[in-house]
Amino acid sequence: MNKVILFSLCIIPSLILLWYVYIKDKVEKEPFYLLLLLFLGGIIACIISILLSILSKQYIYFLNSDYTDMNIFQILFKVLFTIVFIEEGSKWIISYITIWRNKNFKHIYDPIVYCTFVAIGFATLENIIYGVTFSSYGFLPIIMRGFISVPSHAVFGIFMGYYLGISKDALIYNKTKQSRKNKLLSIIVPISLHLVYDLFLVKKNFILCSIFIIYIIIIYIMAYQRIKSLSSIHKNLSQKEKDIS
């Protein structure tokens, strides 16, 4: 397989999604250095997730088994704690540490941009690893990941950023309880969505694949609605500030 084509297929979906989320920030564009830092942070989160997953398999024997050889509780444990929790947890920690007290975090829409850049940094490295690992299967696995896996990571990042934005906004108005609630949702919701996503992939049959496609469409629509919602609030608040000044 041509390495240039393979690498292009691995990164093009990420670039398209980053561009879309970035242009929806209509009021004040984020500095390039911060976005690059967040993207690299996503790559670091991916490396951390891989290392923790490998480490966990060394100490918990059944994690090395195929899903077909596991019972339902073992499957849930493997998916939740060695995939979903590690991946979304590492992305959340890096996002939070980088942006929560950052001087550029000024508007309610900003964390959608931030968390999506982290999520897509994660997805990009993961996609390259899959591309290299399964290059013998041709372009199809990478194309499928480009349409499903990479956008799904972005969607989880959008939900993460959505609730962090509401949390920070609530904190500005001294609504501490509401801020804490939404900060908690910023990690619980991505974990929950990712858990359901991965559980659909454990058993592969026509019915589950059909439901999985419907699920993907639904969460994509929900993510778009949240982008539209906070982008609109962000734009309206900025316009009011201009009118006042």
C-alpha atoms as a PDB file:
ATOM      1  CA  MET A   1       0.000   0.000   0.000  1.00  0.00           C
ATOM      2  CA  ASN A   2       1.286   3.480  -0.873  1.00  0.00           C
ATOM      3  CA  LYS A   3       2.436   5.060   2.412  1.00  0.00           C
ATOM      4  CA  VAL A   4       1.574   8.606   1.326  1.00  0.00           C
ATOM      5  CA  ILE A   5      -2.008   7.624   0.473  1.00  0.00           C
ATOM      6  CA  LEU A   6      -2.303   5.648   3.713  1.00  0.00           C
ATOM      7  CA  PHE A   7      -1.054   8.562   5.824  1.00  0.00           C
ATOM      8  CA  SER A   8      -3.359  10.977   3.984  1.00  0.00           C
ATOM      9  CA  LEU A   9      -6.390   8.781   4.623  1.00  0.00           C
ATOM     10  CA  CYS A  10      -5.424   8.623   8.296  1.00  0.00           C
ATOM     11  CA  ILE A  11      -5.258  12.391   8.819  1.00  0.00           C
ATOM     12  CA  ILE A  12      -7.734  13.909   6.308  1.00  0.00           C
ATOM     13  CA  PRO A  13     -10.871  13.125   8.395  1.00  0.00           C
ATOM     14  CA  SER A  14      -9.205  14.773  11.397  1.00  0.00           C
ATOM     15  CA  LEU A  15      -8.311  17.911   9.438  1.00  0.00           C
ATOM     16  CA  ILE A  16     -11.866  18.252   8.085  1.00  0.00           C
ATOM     17  CA  LEU A  17     -13.399  17.962  11.563  1.00  0.00           C
ATOM     18  CA  LEU A  18     -10.913  20.400  13.104  1.00  0.00           C
ATOM     19  CA  TRP A  19     -11.658  22.922  10.379  1.00  0.00           C
ATOM     20  CA  TYR A  20     -15.429  22.604  10.878  1.00  0.00           C
ATOM     21  CA  VAL A  21     -15.334  23.068  14.654  1.00  0.00           C
ATOM     22  CA  TYR A  22     -12.869  25.946  14.302  1.00  0.00           C
ATOM     23  CA  ILE A  23     -14.943  27.928  11.786  1.00  0.00           C
ATOM     24  CA  LYS A  24     -18.053  27.627  13.984  1.00  0.00           C
ATOM     25  CA  ASP A  25     -16.249  29.844  16.498  1.00  0.00           C
ATOM     26  CA  LYS A  26     -17.595  33.035  14.958  1.00  0.00           C
ATOM     27  CA  VAL A  27     -16.504  35.592  17.543  1.00  0.00           C
ATOM     28  CA  GLU A  28     -12.889  35.185  18.634  1.00  0.00           C
ATOM     29  CA  LYS A  29     -10.555  32.601  17.124  1.00  0.00           C
ATOM     30  CA  GLU A  30      -8.328  30.709  19.517  1.00  0.00           C
ATOM     31  CA  PRO A  31      -4.529  31.192  19.291  1.00  0.00           C
ATOM     32  CA  PHE A  32      -2.732  28.678  17.097  1.00  0.00           C
ATOM     33  CA  TYR A  33      -0.209  27.722  19.784  1.00  0.00           C
ATOM     34  CA  LEU A  34      -3.009  26.711  22.179  1.00  0.00           C
ATOM     35  CA  LEU A  35      -4.807  24.605  19.557  1.00  0.00           C
ATOM     36  CA  LEU A  36      -1.539  22.910  18.634  1.00  0.00           C
ATOM     37  CA  LEU A  37      -0.849  22.261  22.328  1.00  0.00           C
ATOM     38  CA  LEU A  38      -4.302  20.688  22.733  1.00  0.00           C
ATOM     39  CA  PHE A  39      -3.871  18.548  19.614  1.00  0.00           C
ATOM     40  CA  LEU A  40      -0.505  17.308  20.917  1.00  0.00           C
ATOM     41  CA  GLY A  41      -2.166  16.748  24.284  1.00  0.00           C
ATOM     42  CA  GLY A  42      -4.613  14.415  22.549  1.00  0.00           C
ATOM     43  CA  ILE A  43      -1.685  12.473  21.090  1.00  0.00           C
ATOM     44  CA  ILE A  44      -0.183  12.198  24.584  1.00  0.00           C
ATOM     45  CA  ALA A  45      -3.566  10.996  25.902  1.00  0.00           C
ATOM     46  CA  CYS A  46      -3.564   8.279  23.245  1.00  0.00           C
ATOM     47  CA  ILE A  47      -0.064   7.139  24.256  1.00  0.00           C
ATOM     48  CA  ILE A  48      -1.080   7.117  27.940  1.00  0.00           C
ATOM     49  CA  SER A  49      -4.195   5.065  27.113  1.00  0.00           C
ATOM     50  CA  ILE A  50      -2.188   2.501  25.158  1.00  0.00           C
ATOM     51  CA  LEU A  51       0.382   2.134  27.940  1.00  0.00           C
ATOM     52  CA  LEU A  52      -2.285   1.785  30.654  1.00  0.00           C
ATOM     53  CA  SER A  53      -4.180  -0.754  28.569  1.00  0.00           C
ATOM     54  CA  ILE A  54      -1.019  -2.833  28.060  1.00  0.00           C
ATOM     55  CA  LEU A  55      -0.197  -2.569  31.762  1.00  0.00           C
ATOM     56  CA  SER A  56      -3.672  -3.669  32.840  1.00  0.00           C
ATOM     57  CA  LYS A  57      -3.481  -6.756  30.601  1.00  0.00           C
ATOM     58  CA  GLN A  58      -0.299  -7.821  32.362  1.00  0.00           C
ATOM     59  CA  TYR A  59      -2.046  -7.942  35.739  1.00  0.00           C
ATOM     60  CA  ILE A  60      -5.611  -8.994  34.825  1.00  0.00           C
ATOM     61  CA  TYR A  61      -5.389 -12.242  32.904  1.00  0.00           C
ATOM     62  CA  PHE A  62      -8.858 -12.428  31.316  1.00  0.00           C
ATOM     63  CA  LEU A  63      -8.329  -9.091  29.535  1.00  0.00           C
ATOM     64  CA  ASN A  64      -6.127 -10.941  27.056  1.00  0.00           C
ATOM     65  CA  SER A  65      -8.998 -13.236  26.041  1.00  0.00           C
ATOM     66  CA  ASP A  66     -11.326 -12.722  23.089  1.00  0.00           C
ATOM     67  CA  TYR A  67     -14.761 -11.298  23.843  1.00  0.00           C
ATOM     68  CA  THR A  68     -16.296 -14.615  22.789  1.00  0.00           C
ATOM     69  CA  ASP A  69     -14.525 -16.293  25.707  1.00  0.00           C
ATOM     70  CA  MET A  70     -15.694 -13.755  28.301  1.00  0.00           C
ATOM     71  CA  ASN A  71     -18.872 -13.507  30.339  1.00  0.00           C
ATOM     72  CA  ILE A  72     -20.942 -10.321  30.351  1.00  0.00           C
ATOM     73  CA  PHE A  73     -19.278  -8.914  33.481  1.00  0.00           C
ATOM     74  CA  GLN A  74     -15.792  -9.452  32.086  1.00  0.00           C
ATOM     75  CA  ILE A  75     -16.817  -7.764  28.839  1.00  0.00           C
ATOM     76  CA  LEU A  76     -18.243  -4.769  30.708  1.00  0.00           C
ATOM     77  CA  PHE A  77     -15.111  -4.518  32.853  1.00  0.00           C
ATOM     78  CA  LYS A  78     -12.792  -4.667  29.861  1.00  0.00           C
ATOM     79  CA  VAL A  79     -14.715  -2.140  27.790  1.00  0.00           C
ATOM     80  CA  LEU A  80     -15.433   0.289  30.625  1.00  0.00           C
ATOM     81  CA  PHE A  81     -12.206   0.292  32.613  1.00  0.00           C
ATOM     82  CA  THR A  82      -9.483  -0.648  30.121  1.00  0.00           C
ATOM     83  CA  ILE A  83     -10.818   1.238  27.096  1.00  0.00           C
ATOM     84  CA  VAL A  84     -13.518   3.834  27.712  1.00  0.00           C
ATOM     85  CA  PHE A  85     -12.573   5.128  31.160  1.00  0.00           C
ATOM     86  CA  ILE A  86      -8.859   5.300  30.317  1.00  0.00           C
ATOM     87  CA  GLU A  87      -9.416   7.020  26.954  1.00  0.00           C
ATOM     88  CA  GLU A  88     -12.046   9.572  27.993  1.00  0.00           C
ATOM     89  CA  GLY A  89     -10.415  10.082  31.386  1.00  0.00           C
ATOM     90  CA  SER A  90      -7.014  10.891  29.876  1.00  0.00           C
ATOM     91  CA  LYS A  91      -8.598  13.267  27.342  1.00  0.00           C
ATOM     92  CA  TRP A  92     -10.620  14.993  30.075  1.00  0.00           C
ATOM     93  CA  ILE A  93      -7.636  15.440  32.407  1.00  0.00           C
ATOM     94  CA  ILE A  94      -5.453  16.914  29.675  1.00  0.00           C
ATOM     95  CA  SER A  95      -8.289  19.193  28.492  1.00  0.00           C
ATOM     96  CA  TYR A  96      -9.101  20.382  31.997  1.00  0.00           C
ATOM     97  CA  ILE A  97      -5.505  21.023  33.056  1.00  0.00           C
ATOM     98  CA  THR A  98      -4.775  22.906  29.837  1.00  0.00           C
ATOM     99  CA  ILE A  99      -7.865  25.093  29.521  1.00  0.00           C
ATOM    100  CA  TRP A 100      -9.805  25.558  32.768  1.00  0.00           C
ATOM    101  CA  ARG A 101      -7.660  28.425  34.068  1.00  0.00           C
ATOM    102  CA  ASN A 102      -6.289  29.468  30.697  1.00  0.00           C
ATOM    103  CA  LYS A 103      -6.692  33.191  29.959  1.00  0.00           C
ATOM    104  CA  ASN A 104      -8.037  32.385  26.475  1.00  0.00           C
ATOM    105  CA  PHE A 105     -11.027  30.504  27.932  1.00  0.00           C
ATOM    106  CA  LYS A 106     -13.382  33.489  27.754  1.00  0.00           C
ATOM    107  CA  HIS A 107     -16.548  32.259  26.067  1.00  0.00           C
ATOM    108  CA  ILE A 108     -18.999  29.418  26.524  1.00  0.00           C
ATOM    109  CA  TYR A 109     -18.214  27.897  23.090  1.00  0.00           C
ATOM    110  CA  ASP A 110     -14.432  27.819  23.593  1.00  0.00           C
ATOM    111  CA  PRO A 111     -14.174  24.409  25.336  1.00  0.00           C
ATOM    112  CA  ILE A 112     -15.977  22.711  22.446  1.00  0.00           C
ATOM    113  CA  VAL A 113     -13.057  23.800  20.272  1.00  0.00           C
ATOM    114  CA  TYR A 114     -10.523  22.842  22.936  1.00  0.00           C
ATOM    115  CA  CYS A 115     -11.880  19.396  23.786  1.00  0.00           C
ATOM    116  CA  THR A 116     -12.458  18.536  20.131  1.00  0.00           C
ATOM    117  CA  PHE A 117      -8.835  19.337  19.301  1.00  0.00           C
ATOM    118  CA  VAL A 118      -7.724  17.021  22.129  1.00  0.00           C
ATOM    119  CA  ALA A 119     -10.126  14.292  20.989  1.00  0.00           C
ATOM    120  CA  ILE A 120      -9.013  14.522  17.366  1.00  0.00           C
ATOM    121  CA  GLY A 121      -5.346  14.539  18.364  1.00  0.00           C
ATOM    122  CA  PHE A 122      -6.115  11.270  20.131  1.00  0.00           C
ATOM    123  CA  ALA A 123      -8.061   9.886  17.162  1.00  0.00           C
ATOM    124  CA  THR A 124      -5.373  10.877  14.659  1.00  0.00           C
ATOM    125  CA  LEU A 125      -2.604   8.909  16.355  1.00  0.00           C
ATOM    126  CA  GLU A 126      -4.978   5.996  16.941  1.00  0.00           C
ATOM    127  CA  ASN A 127      -5.940   6.055  13.274  1.00  0.00           C
ATOM    128  CA  ILE A 128      -2.313   6.059  12.135  1.00  0.00           C
ATOM    129  CA  ILE A 129      -1.583   3.084  14.410  1.00  0.00           C
ATOM    130  CA  TYR A 130      -4.570   1.187  13.003  1.00  0.00           C
ATOM    131  CA  GLY A 131      -3.538   2.120   9.484  1.00  0.00           C
ATOM    132  CA  VAL A 132      -0.040   0.733   9.945  1.00  0.00           C
ATOM    133  CA  THR A 133      -1.267  -2.359  11.811  1.00  0.00           C
ATOM    134  CA  PHE A 134      -3.925  -3.302   9.271  1.00  0.00           C
ATOM    135  CA  SER A 135      -2.269  -1.965   6.110  1.00  0.00           C
ATOM    136  CA  SER A 136      -2.363  -5.478   4.613  1.00  0.00           C
ATOM    137  CA  TYR A 137      -6.170  -5.214   4.487  1.00  0.00           C
ATOM    138  CA  GLY A 138      -6.043  -2.295   2.067  1.00  0.00           C
ATOM    139  CA  PHE A 139      -7.719   1.091   2.362  1.00  0.00           C
ATOM    140  CA  LEU A 140     -11.145  -0.090   3.585  1.00  0.00           C
ATOM    141  CA  PRO A 141     -10.408  -0.234   7.359  1.00  0.00           C
ATOM    142  CA  ILE A 142      -8.995   3.314   7.302  1.00  0.00           C
ATOM    143  CA  ILE A 143     -11.881   4.647   5.216  1.00  0.00           C
ATOM    144  CA  MET A 144     -14.363   3.059   7.633  1.00  0.00           C
ATOM    145  CA  ARG A 145     -12.546   4.586  10.601  1.00  0.00           C
ATOM    146  CA  GLY A 146     -12.528   7.934   8.811  1.00  0.00           C
ATOM    147  CA  PHE A 147     -16.325   7.878   8.582  1.00  0.00           C
ATOM    148  CA  ILE A 148     -17.028   6.355  12.004  1.00  0.00           C
ATOM    149  CA  SER A 149     -14.213   6.199  14.585  1.00  0.00           C
ATOM    150  CA  VAL A 150     -12.569   9.601  14.078  1.00  0.00           C
ATOM    151  CA  PRO A 151     -15.867  11.565  13.999  1.00  0.00           C
ATOM    152  CA  SER A 152     -17.053   9.594  17.050  1.00  0.00           C
ATOM    153  CA  HIS A 153     -14.000  10.700  19.048  1.00  0.00           C
ATOM    154  CA  ALA A 154     -14.773  14.254  17.944  1.00  0.00           C
ATOM    155  CA  VAL A 155     -18.381  13.845  19.075  1.00  0.00           C
ATOM    156  CA  PHE A 156     -17.274  12.666  22.522  1.00  0.00           C
ATOM    157  CA  GLY A 157     -15.019  15.738  22.659  1.00  0.00           C
ATOM    158  CA  ILE A 158     -17.905  18.015  21.665  1.00  0.00           C
ATOM    159  CA  PHE A 159     -20.055  16.705  24.520  1.00  0.00           C
ATOM    160  CA  MET A 160     -17.121  17.092  26.914  1.00  0.00           C
ATOM    161  CA  GLY A 161     -16.574  20.689  25.828  1.00  0.00           C
ATOM    162  CA  TYR A 162     -20.291  21.478  25.858  1.00  0.00           C
ATOM    163  CA  TYR A 163     -20.673  20.662  29.547  1.00  0.00           C
ATOM    164  CA  LEU A 164     -17.358  22.279  30.500  1.00  0.00           C
ATOM    165  CA  GLY A 165     -18.532  25.459  28.785  1.00  0.00           C
ATOM    166  CA  ILE A 166     -21.812  25.461  30.722  1.00  0.00           C
ATOM    167  CA  SER A 167     -19.898  24.674  33.925  1.00  0.00           C
ATOM    168  CA  LYS A 168     -17.522  27.612  33.503  1.00  0.00           C
ATOM    169  CA  ASP A 169     -20.386  29.927  32.559  1.00  0.00           C
ATOM    170  CA  ALA A 170     -22.319  28.897  35.686  1.00  0.00           C
ATOM    171  CA  LEU A 171     -19.236  29.538  37.817  1.00  0.00           C
ATOM    172  CA  ILE A 172     -18.972  33.081  36.459  1.00  0.00           C
ATOM    173  CA  TYR A 173     -22.506  33.739  37.777  1.00  0.00           C
ATOM    174  CA  ASN A 174     -21.676  32.092  41.131  1.00  0.00           C
ATOM    175  CA  LYS A 175     -23.890  29.086  40.456  1.00  0.00           C
ATOM    176  CA  THR A 176     -21.495  26.698  42.147  1.00  0.00           C
ATOM    177  CA  LYS A 177     -23.849  23.721  42.356  1.00  0.00           C
ATOM    178  CA  GLN A 178     -24.770  23.970  38.675  1.00  0.00           C
ATOM    179  CA  SER A 179     -21.101  24.363  37.759  1.00  0.00           C
ATOM    180  CA  ARG A 180     -20.119  21.202  39.639  1.00  0.00           C
ATOM    181  CA  LYS A 181     -23.000  19.263  38.115  1.00  0.00           C
ATOM    182  CA  ASN A 182     -22.008  20.158  34.551  1.00  0.00           C
ATOM    183  CA  LYS A 183     -18.314  19.574  35.233  1.00  0.00           C
ATOM    184  CA  LEU A 184     -19.250  16.060  36.334  1.00  0.00           C
ATOM    185  CA  LEU A 185     -21.420  15.622  33.234  1.00  0.00           C
ATOM    186  CA  SER A 186     -18.447  16.664  31.079  1.00  0.00           C
ATOM    187  CA  ILE A 187     -16.790  13.331  31.895  1.00  0.00           C
ATOM    188  CA  ILE A 188     -19.821  11.116  32.599  1.00  0.00           C
ATOM    189  CA  VAL A 189     -21.575  11.828  29.277  1.00  0.00           C
ATOM    190  CA  PRO A 190     -18.549  11.088  27.025  1.00  0.00           C
ATOM    191  CA  ILE A 191     -17.819   7.912  29.003  1.00  0.00           C
ATOM    192  CA  SER A 192     -21.450   6.779  28.681  1.00  0.00           C
ATOM    193  CA  LEU A 193     -21.626   7.502  24.937  1.00  0.00           C
ATOM    194  CA  HIS A 194     -18.276   5.820  24.331  1.00  0.00           C
ATOM    195  CA  LEU A 195     -19.286   2.794  26.422  1.00  0.00           C
ATOM    196  CA  VAL A 196     -22.427   2.206  24.372  1.00  0.00           C
ATOM    197  CA  TYR A 197     -20.424   2.749  21.167  1.00  0.00           C
ATOM    198  CA  ASP A 198     -17.857   0.085  22.092  1.00  0.00           C
ATOM    199  CA  LEU A 199     -20.399  -2.417  23.405  1.00  0.00           C
ATOM    200  CA  PHE A 200     -22.099  -2.412  19.993  1.00  0.00           C
ATOM    201  CA  LEU A 201     -18.784  -3.529  18.484  1.00  0.00           C
ATOM    202  CA  VAL A 202     -18.292  -6.516  20.820  1.00  0.00           C
ATOM    203  CA  LYS A 203     -20.788  -8.787  19.080  1.00  0.00           C
ATOM    204  CA  LYS A 204     -20.980  -8.350  15.325  1.00  0.00           C
ATOM    205  CA  ASN A 205     -24.286  -9.270  13.685  1.00  0.00           C
ATOM    206  CA  PHE A 206     -26.680  -7.571  11.283  1.00  0.00           C
ATOM    207  CA  ILE A 207     -29.191  -6.387  13.895  1.00  0.00           C
ATOM    208  CA  LEU A 208     -26.547  -4.868  16.173  1.00  0.00           C
ATOM    209  CA  CYS A 209     -24.776  -3.256  13.212  1.00  0.00           C
ATOM    210  CA  SER A 210     -28.064  -1.691  12.103  1.00  0.00           C
ATOM    211  CA  ILE A 211     -28.769  -0.331  15.592  1.00  0.00           C
ATOM    212  CA  PHE A 212     -25.162   0.855  15.812  1.00  0.00           C
ATOM    213  CA  ILE A 213     -25.548   2.917  12.629  1.00  0.00           C
ATOM    214  CA  ILE A 214     -28.737   4.487  14.000  1.00  0.00           C
ATOM    215  CA  TYR A 215     -26.946   5.229  17.283  1.00  0.00           C
ATOM    216  CA  ILE A 216     -24.063   6.893  15.437  1.00  0.00           C
ATOM    217  CA  ILE A 217     -26.454   9.082  13.446  1.00  0.00           C
ATOM    218  CA  ILE A 218     -28.306  10.111  16.627  1.00  0.00           C
ATOM    219  CA  ILE A 219     -25.191  11.142  18.573  1.00  0.00           C
ATOM    220  CA  TYR A 220     -23.844  13.000  15.527  1.00  0.00           C
ATOM    221  CA  ILE A 221     -27.085  14.983  15.332  1.00  0.00           C
ATOM    222  CA  MET A 222     -27.002  15.649  19.091  1.00  0.00           C
ATOM    223  CA  ALA A 223     -23.407  16.853  18.845  1.00  0.00           C
ATOM    224  CA  TYR A 224     -24.300  19.171  15.947  1.00  0.00           C
ATOM    225  CA  GLN A 225     -27.198  20.599  17.981  1.00  0.00           C
ATOM    226  CA  ARG A 226     -24.852  21.349  20.873  1.00  0.00           C
ATOM    227  CA  ILE A 227     -22.358  23.050  18.582  1.00  0.00           C
ATOM    228  CA  LYS A 228     -25.160  25.117  17.091  1.00  0.00           C
ATOM    229  CA  SER A 229     -26.616  25.933  20.521  1.00  0.00           C
ATOM    230  CA  LEU A 230     -23.415  27.199  22.160  1.00  0.00           C
ATOM    231  CA  SER A 231     -22.220  28.862  18.957  1.00  0.00           C
ATOM    232  CA  SER A 232     -25.481  30.804  18.839  1.00  0.00           C
ATOM    233  CA  ILE A 233     -25.276  31.805  22.524  1.00  0.00           C
ATOM    234  CA  HIS A 234     -21.636  32.771  22.028  1.00  0.00           C
ATOM    235  CA  LYS A 235     -22.487  34.953  19.012  1.00  0.00           C
ATOM    236  CA  ASN A 236     -25.501  36.618  20.676  1.00  0.00           C
ATOM    237  CA  LEU A 237     -23.577  37.475  23.857  1.00  0.00           C
ATOM    238  CA  SER A 238     -20.766  38.961  21.814  1.00  0.00           C
ATOM    239  CA  GLN A 239     -23.231  41.084  19.859  1.00  0.00           C
ATOM    240  CA  LYS A 240     -24.807  42.378  23.089  1.00  0.00           C
ATOM    241  CA  GLU A 241     -21.364  43.319  24.382  1.00  0.00           C
ATOM    242  CA  LYS A 242     -20.696  45.281  21.181  1.00  0.00           C
ATOM    243  CA  ASP A 243     -24.082  47.025  21.433  1.00  0.00           C
ATOM    244  CA  ILE A 244     -23.406  48.039  25.047  1.00  0.00           C
ATOM    245  CA  SER A 245     -19.952  49.350  24.253  1.00  0.00           C
END
